[in-house]
Amino acid sequence: KKYLALALLLCALLSLTNSQCFVKPQTPGMTHCKDDVDGTWHAVGSTWRNSKCWDCTCRSCCAGYTTPRQFPDDCVSVFDSKRCEYIVHKRDDPTELCPIFAAVGK
């Protein structure tokens, strides 16, 4: 019974987390950390955005963008890596933007 209760608790907590973030391990006394994507070094306490559009510190990284989840069926979602954002537009006309009804992240 204890394990079932623990499993249920963990499942409940899982829904409270943001799947677009992750924690990075730290070593006591460290002064710099390495970005896992770009291989660049950063001082503890600094913040940066890497080439995959993740906003990072030495403790964690989170997606620097929202991901559209619900929009009209005649539209598509395309990621613009230069602007670090999704653009949702009509399938047959990229100049016509579409409304976004639901998104996750950031």
N, C-alpha and C. Protein backbone atom coordinates (compact mmCIF):
# COMPACT_ATOMS: atom_id res chain seq x y z
N LYS A 1 0.82 -1.20 0.00
CA LYS A 1 0.00 0.00 0.00
C LYS A 1 0.86 1.26 0.00
N LYS A 2 2.00 1.22 0.73
CA LYS A 2 2.87 2.39 0.77
C LYS A 2 3.38 2.74 -0.63
N TYR A 3 3.76 1.72 -1.40
CA TYR A 3 4.32 1.98 -2.73
C TYR A 3 3.27 2.50 -3.70
N LEU A 4 2.05 2.04 -3.55
CA LEU A 4 0.96 2.53 -4.40
C LEU A 4 0.70 4.01 -4.11
N ALA A 5 0.69 4.36 -2.83
CA ALA A 5 0.47 5.76 -2.45
C ALA A 5 1.62 6.64 -2.98
N LEU A 6 2.84 6.14 -2.88
CA LEU A 6 4.00 6.89 -3.38
C LEU A 6 3.91 7.07 -4.89
N ALA A 7 3.53 6.02 -5.60
CA ALA A 7 3.39 6.10 -7.06
C ALA A 7 2.32 7.12 -7.45
N LEU A 8 1.20 7.12 -6.75
CA LEU A 8 0.14 8.08 -7.03
C LEU A 8 0.60 9.51 -6.76
N LEU A 9 1.34 9.70 -5.68
CA LEU A 9 1.87 11.02 -5.35
C LEU A 9 2.84 11.51 -6.43
N LEU A 10 3.73 10.63 -6.88
CA LEU A 10 4.68 11.02 -7.92
C LEU A 10 3.98 11.37 -9.23
N CYS A 11 2.93 10.62 -9.56
CA CYS A 11 2.17 10.93 -10.78
C CYS A 11 1.49 12.29 -10.66
N ALA A 12 0.98 12.61 -9.49
CA ALA A 12 0.34 13.91 -9.28
C ALA A 12 1.36 15.03 -9.39
N LEU A 13 2.55 14.84 -8.83
CA LEU A 13 3.59 15.87 -8.89
C LEU A 13 4.11 16.05 -10.31
N LEU A 14 4.13 15.00 -11.09
CA LEU A 14 4.62 15.08 -12.45
C LEU A 14 3.82 16.09 -13.26
N SER A 15 2.53 16.17 -13.02
CA SER A 15 1.70 17.11 -13.78
C SER A 15 1.97 18.55 -13.39
N LEU A 16 2.65 18.79 -12.27
CA LEU A 16 2.94 20.15 -11.83
C LEU A 16 4.26 20.66 -12.39
N THR A 17 5.04 19.81 -13.06
CA THR A 17 6.33 20.23 -13.56
C THR A 17 6.22 20.79 -14.97
N ASN A 18 7.18 21.62 -15.33
CA ASN A 18 7.24 22.15 -16.69
C ASN A 18 8.21 21.27 -17.47
N SER A 19 7.70 20.54 -18.43
CA SER A 19 8.53 19.60 -19.17
C SER A 19 9.52 20.32 -20.08
N GLN A 20 9.44 21.63 -20.15
CA GLN A 20 10.36 22.36 -20.99
C GLN A 20 11.49 23.00 -20.19
N CYS A 21 11.77 22.45 -19.02
CA CYS A 21 12.90 22.88 -18.20
C CYS A 21 13.65 21.64 -17.71
N PHE A 22 14.93 21.82 -17.43
CA PHE A 22 15.68 20.76 -16.79
C PHE A 22 16.71 21.38 -15.85
N VAL A 23 17.04 20.63 -14.81
CA VAL A 23 17.99 21.08 -13.79
C VAL A 23 19.36 20.54 -14.15
N LYS A 24 20.38 21.35 -13.93
CA LYS A 24 21.75 20.95 -14.21
C LYS A 24 22.48 20.72 -12.89
N PRO A 25 23.29 19.67 -12.79
CA PRO A 25 24.02 19.42 -11.54
C PRO A 25 25.08 20.48 -11.30
N GLN A 26 25.28 20.80 -10.03
CA GLN A 26 26.31 21.78 -9.66
C GLN A 26 27.28 21.14 -8.69
N THR A 27 28.52 21.60 -8.75
CA THR A 27 29.56 21.14 -7.84
C THR A 27 29.86 22.27 -6.86
N PRO A 28 29.93 21.97 -5.55
CA PRO A 28 30.25 23.04 -4.59
C PRO A 28 31.56 23.74 -4.96
N GLY A 29 31.54 25.05 -4.90
CA GLY A 29 32.73 25.85 -5.19
C GLY A 29 32.99 26.13 -6.66
N MET A 30 32.13 25.64 -7.53
CA MET A 30 32.37 25.90 -8.96
C MET A 30 32.16 27.38 -9.27
N THR A 31 32.95 27.90 -10.20
CA THR A 31 32.86 29.32 -10.57
C THR A 31 32.30 29.50 -11.97
N HIS A 32 32.36 28.45 -12.79
CA HIS A 32 31.85 28.49 -14.17
C HIS A 32 31.17 27.17 -14.50
N CYS A 33 30.32 27.21 -15.52
CA CYS A 33 29.67 26.00 -15.99
C CYS A 33 29.66 26.01 -17.51
N LYS A 34 29.50 24.85 -18.09
CA LYS A 34 29.54 24.71 -19.55
C LYS A 34 28.15 24.49 -20.10
N ASP A 35 27.80 25.23 -21.14
CA ASP A 35 26.53 25.03 -21.83
C ASP A 35 26.63 23.72 -22.60
N ASP A 36 25.67 22.81 -22.35
CA ASP A 36 25.72 21.49 -22.97
C ASP A 36 25.46 21.52 -24.47
N VAL A 37 24.81 22.55 -24.96
CA VAL A 37 24.48 22.65 -26.39
C VAL A 37 25.64 23.27 -27.18
N ASP A 38 26.08 24.44 -26.75
CA ASP A 38 27.08 25.19 -27.51
C ASP A 38 28.52 24.96 -27.05
N GLY A 39 28.68 24.39 -25.87
CA GLY A 39 30.03 24.15 -25.35
C GLY A 39 30.70 25.41 -24.83
N THR A 40 29.93 26.47 -24.61
CA THR A 40 30.48 27.73 -24.10
C THR A 40 30.49 27.72 -22.57
N TRP A 41 31.42 28.47 -22.00
CA TRP A 41 31.55 28.54 -20.54
C TRP A 41 30.92 29.83 -20.03
N HIS A 42 30.29 29.76 -18.86
CA HIS A 42 29.59 30.91 -18.28
C HIS A 42 29.84 30.96 -16.79
N ALA A 43 29.92 32.19 -16.26
CA ALA A 43 30.15 32.39 -14.83
C ALA A 43 28.89 32.01 -14.04
N VAL A 44 29.09 31.42 -12.88
CA VAL A 44 27.96 31.12 -11.98
C VAL A 44 27.25 32.44 -11.69
N GLY A 45 25.93 32.44 -11.77
CA GLY A 45 25.13 33.64 -11.55
C GLY A 45 24.73 34.35 -12.84
N SER A 46 25.34 33.97 -13.95
CA SER A 46 24.99 34.61 -15.22
C SER A 46 23.83 33.87 -15.89
N THR A 47 23.23 34.52 -16.87
CA THR A 47 22.17 33.91 -17.67
C THR A 47 22.53 34.08 -19.14
N TRP A 48 22.07 33.14 -19.98
CA TRP A 48 22.35 33.22 -21.40
C TRP A 48 21.30 32.42 -22.17
N ARG A 49 21.22 32.71 -23.46
CA ARG A 49 20.36 31.94 -24.37
C ARG A 49 21.28 31.24 -25.36
N ASN A 50 21.13 29.91 -25.47
CA ASN A 50 22.01 29.17 -26.39
C ASN A 50 21.38 29.07 -27.79
N SER A 51 22.08 28.40 -28.68
CA SER A 51 21.65 28.33 -30.08
C SER A 51 20.40 27.48 -30.30
N LYS A 52 19.96 26.74 -29.29
CA LYS A 52 18.72 25.96 -29.38
C LYS A 52 17.56 26.70 -28.71
N CYS A 53 17.77 28.00 -28.42
CA CYS A 53 16.74 28.86 -27.83
C CYS A 53 16.36 28.46 -26.40
N TRP A 54 17.32 27.93 -25.67
CA TRP A 54 17.12 27.62 -24.25
C TRP A 54 17.70 28.76 -23.44
N ASP A 55 16.92 29.25 -22.45
CA ASP A 55 17.39 30.26 -21.51
C ASP A 55 18.00 29.53 -20.32
N CYS A 56 19.28 29.78 -20.07
CA CYS A 56 20.01 28.98 -19.09
C CYS A 56 20.67 29.81 -17.99
N THR A 57 20.90 29.12 -16.89
CA THR A 57 21.80 29.54 -15.82
C THR A 57 22.66 28.31 -15.55
N CYS A 58 23.57 28.42 -14.61
CA CYS A 58 24.37 27.24 -14.28
C CYS A 58 23.54 26.20 -13.53
N ARG A 59 22.35 26.57 -13.05
CA ARG A 59 21.48 25.64 -12.33
C ARG A 59 20.45 24.94 -13.21
N SER A 60 19.99 25.62 -14.26
CA SER A 60 18.91 25.04 -15.07
C SER A 60 18.82 25.71 -16.43
N CYS A 61 18.08 25.06 -17.32
CA CYS A 61 17.75 25.63 -18.62
C CYS A 61 16.26 25.41 -18.86
N CYS A 62 15.62 26.40 -19.48
CA CYS A 62 14.21 26.30 -19.84
C CYS A 62 14.05 26.80 -21.27
N ALA A 63 13.09 26.24 -21.96
CA ALA A 63 12.81 26.69 -23.32
C ALA A 63 12.49 28.18 -23.29
N GLY A 64 13.07 28.93 -24.20
CA GLY A 64 12.85 30.37 -24.26
C GLY A 64 11.71 30.73 -25.19
N TYR A 65 10.78 29.82 -25.36
CA TYR A 65 9.67 30.02 -26.29
C TYR A 65 8.46 29.22 -25.83
N THR A 66 7.30 29.56 -26.34
CA THR A 66 6.10 28.77 -26.10
C THR A 66 5.85 27.89 -27.32
N THR A 67 5.25 26.73 -27.08
CA THR A 67 4.94 25.79 -28.16
C THR A 67 3.43 25.74 -28.35
N PRO A 68 2.94 26.17 -29.50
CA PRO A 68 1.50 26.14 -29.76
C PRO A 68 0.97 24.70 -29.74
N ARG A 69 -0.16 24.49 -29.07
CA ARG A 69 -0.77 23.16 -29.00
C ARG A 69 -2.13 23.10 -29.69
N GLN A 70 -2.85 24.22 -29.69
CA GLN A 70 -4.16 24.23 -30.33
C GLN A 70 -4.30 25.47 -31.21
N PHE A 71 -4.61 25.20 -32.47
CA PHE A 71 -4.83 26.26 -33.45
C PHE A 71 -5.71 25.66 -34.55
N PRO A 72 -6.27 26.46 -35.44
CA PRO A 72 -7.17 25.92 -36.47
C PRO A 72 -6.52 24.83 -37.33
N ASP A 73 -7.33 23.89 -37.79
CA ASP A 73 -6.84 22.75 -38.57
C ASP A 73 -6.21 23.15 -39.91
N ASP A 74 -6.59 24.29 -40.45
CA ASP A 74 -6.04 24.70 -41.74
C ASP A 74 -4.75 25.51 -41.58
N CYS A 75 -4.14 25.42 -40.39
CA CYS A 75 -2.91 26.16 -40.10
C CYS A 75 -1.78 25.20 -39.72
N VAL A 76 -0.55 25.69 -39.81
CA VAL A 76 0.63 24.92 -39.42
C VAL A 76 1.48 25.76 -38.47
N SER A 77 2.24 25.07 -37.66
CA SER A 77 3.14 25.70 -36.71
C SER A 77 4.58 25.47 -37.19
N VAL A 78 5.33 26.56 -37.37
CA VAL A 78 6.70 26.48 -37.88
C VAL A 78 7.61 27.23 -36.91
N PHE A 79 8.73 26.58 -36.51
CA PHE A 79 9.65 27.21 -35.57
C PHE A 79 10.64 28.10 -36.31
N ASP A 80 10.75 29.35 -35.87
CA ASP A 80 11.73 30.30 -36.41
C ASP A 80 12.90 30.34 -35.42
N SER A 81 13.99 29.66 -35.76
CA SER A 81 15.12 29.54 -34.83
C SER A 81 15.90 30.84 -34.67
N LYS A 82 15.77 31.77 -35.59
CA LYS A 82 16.44 33.06 -35.44
C LYS A 82 15.72 33.92 -34.40
N ARG A 83 14.39 33.86 -34.39
CA ARG A 83 13.60 34.65 -33.45
C ARG A 83 13.22 33.86 -32.19
N CYS A 84 13.51 32.56 -32.18
CA CYS A 84 13.18 31.67 -31.06
C CYS A 84 11.68 31.71 -30.75
N GLU A 85 10.88 31.52 -31.79
CA GLU A 85 9.44 31.50 -31.61
C GLU A 85 8.76 30.68 -32.70
N TYR A 86 7.60 30.16 -32.36
CA TYR A 86 6.78 29.46 -33.35
C TYR A 86 5.89 30.47 -34.05
N ILE A 87 5.76 30.32 -35.35
CA ILE A 87 4.84 31.12 -36.15
C ILE A 87 3.75 30.17 -36.62
N VAL A 88 2.50 30.53 -36.39
CA VAL A 88 1.37 29.71 -36.84
C VAL A 88 0.68 30.46 -37.97
N HIS A 89 0.66 29.82 -39.15
CA HIS A 89 0.08 30.48 -40.32
C HIS A 89 -0.76 29.50 -41.12
N LYS A 90 -1.53 30.03 -42.06
CA LYS A 90 -2.37 29.20 -42.94
C LYS A 90 -1.46 28.27 -43.74
N ARG A 91 -1.92 27.04 -43.93
CA ARG A 91 -1.13 26.06 -44.70
C ARG A 91 -0.83 26.55 -46.11
N ASP A 92 -1.81 27.16 -46.74
CA ASP A 92 -1.65 27.57 -48.13
C ASP A 92 -1.24 29.03 -48.31
N ASP A 93 -1.05 29.76 -47.18
CA ASP A 93 -0.66 31.17 -47.28
C ASP A 93 0.16 31.56 -46.04
N PRO A 94 1.49 31.45 -46.13
CA PRO A 94 2.34 31.77 -44.99
C PRO A 94 2.26 33.22 -44.51
N THR A 95 1.68 34.10 -45.31
CA THR A 95 1.56 35.49 -44.89
C THR A 95 0.36 35.73 -43.99
N GLU A 96 -0.55 34.76 -43.92
CA GLU A 96 -1.75 34.92 -43.09
C GLU A 96 -1.57 34.16 -41.77
N LEU A 97 -1.41 34.92 -40.69
CA LEU A 97 -1.22 34.32 -39.37
C LEU A 97 -2.53 33.76 -38.82
N CYS A 98 -2.41 32.76 -37.97
CA CYS A 98 -3.58 32.11 -37.37
C CYS A 98 -3.61 32.36 -35.86
N PRO A 99 -4.78 32.29 -35.26
CA PRO A 99 -4.87 32.41 -33.80
C PRO A 99 -4.36 31.15 -33.13
N ILE A 100 -3.80 31.33 -31.94
CA ILE A 100 -3.34 30.21 -31.12
C ILE A 100 -4.26 30.15 -29.91
N PHE A 101 -4.90 28.99 -29.70
CA PHE A 101 -5.87 28.83 -28.62
C PHE A 101 -5.23 28.31 -27.34
N ALA A 102 -4.13 27.55 -27.46
CA ALA A 102 -3.44 27.01 -26.29
C ALA A 102 -1.98 26.77 -26.63
N ALA A 103 -1.11 27.00 -25.65
CA ALA A 103 0.33 26.79 -25.84
C ALA A 103 0.94 26.39 -24.51
N VAL A 104 2.12 25.78 -24.56
CA VAL A 104 2.83 25.39 -23.35
C VAL A 104 4.22 25.99 -23.35
N GLY A 105 4.78 26.15 -22.17
CA GLY A 105 6.14 26.63 -22.04
C GLY A 105 6.22 28.08 -21.61
N LYS A 106 7.44 28.49 -21.47
CA LYS A 106 7.82 29.83 -21.06
C LYS A 106 6.88 30.35 -20.09
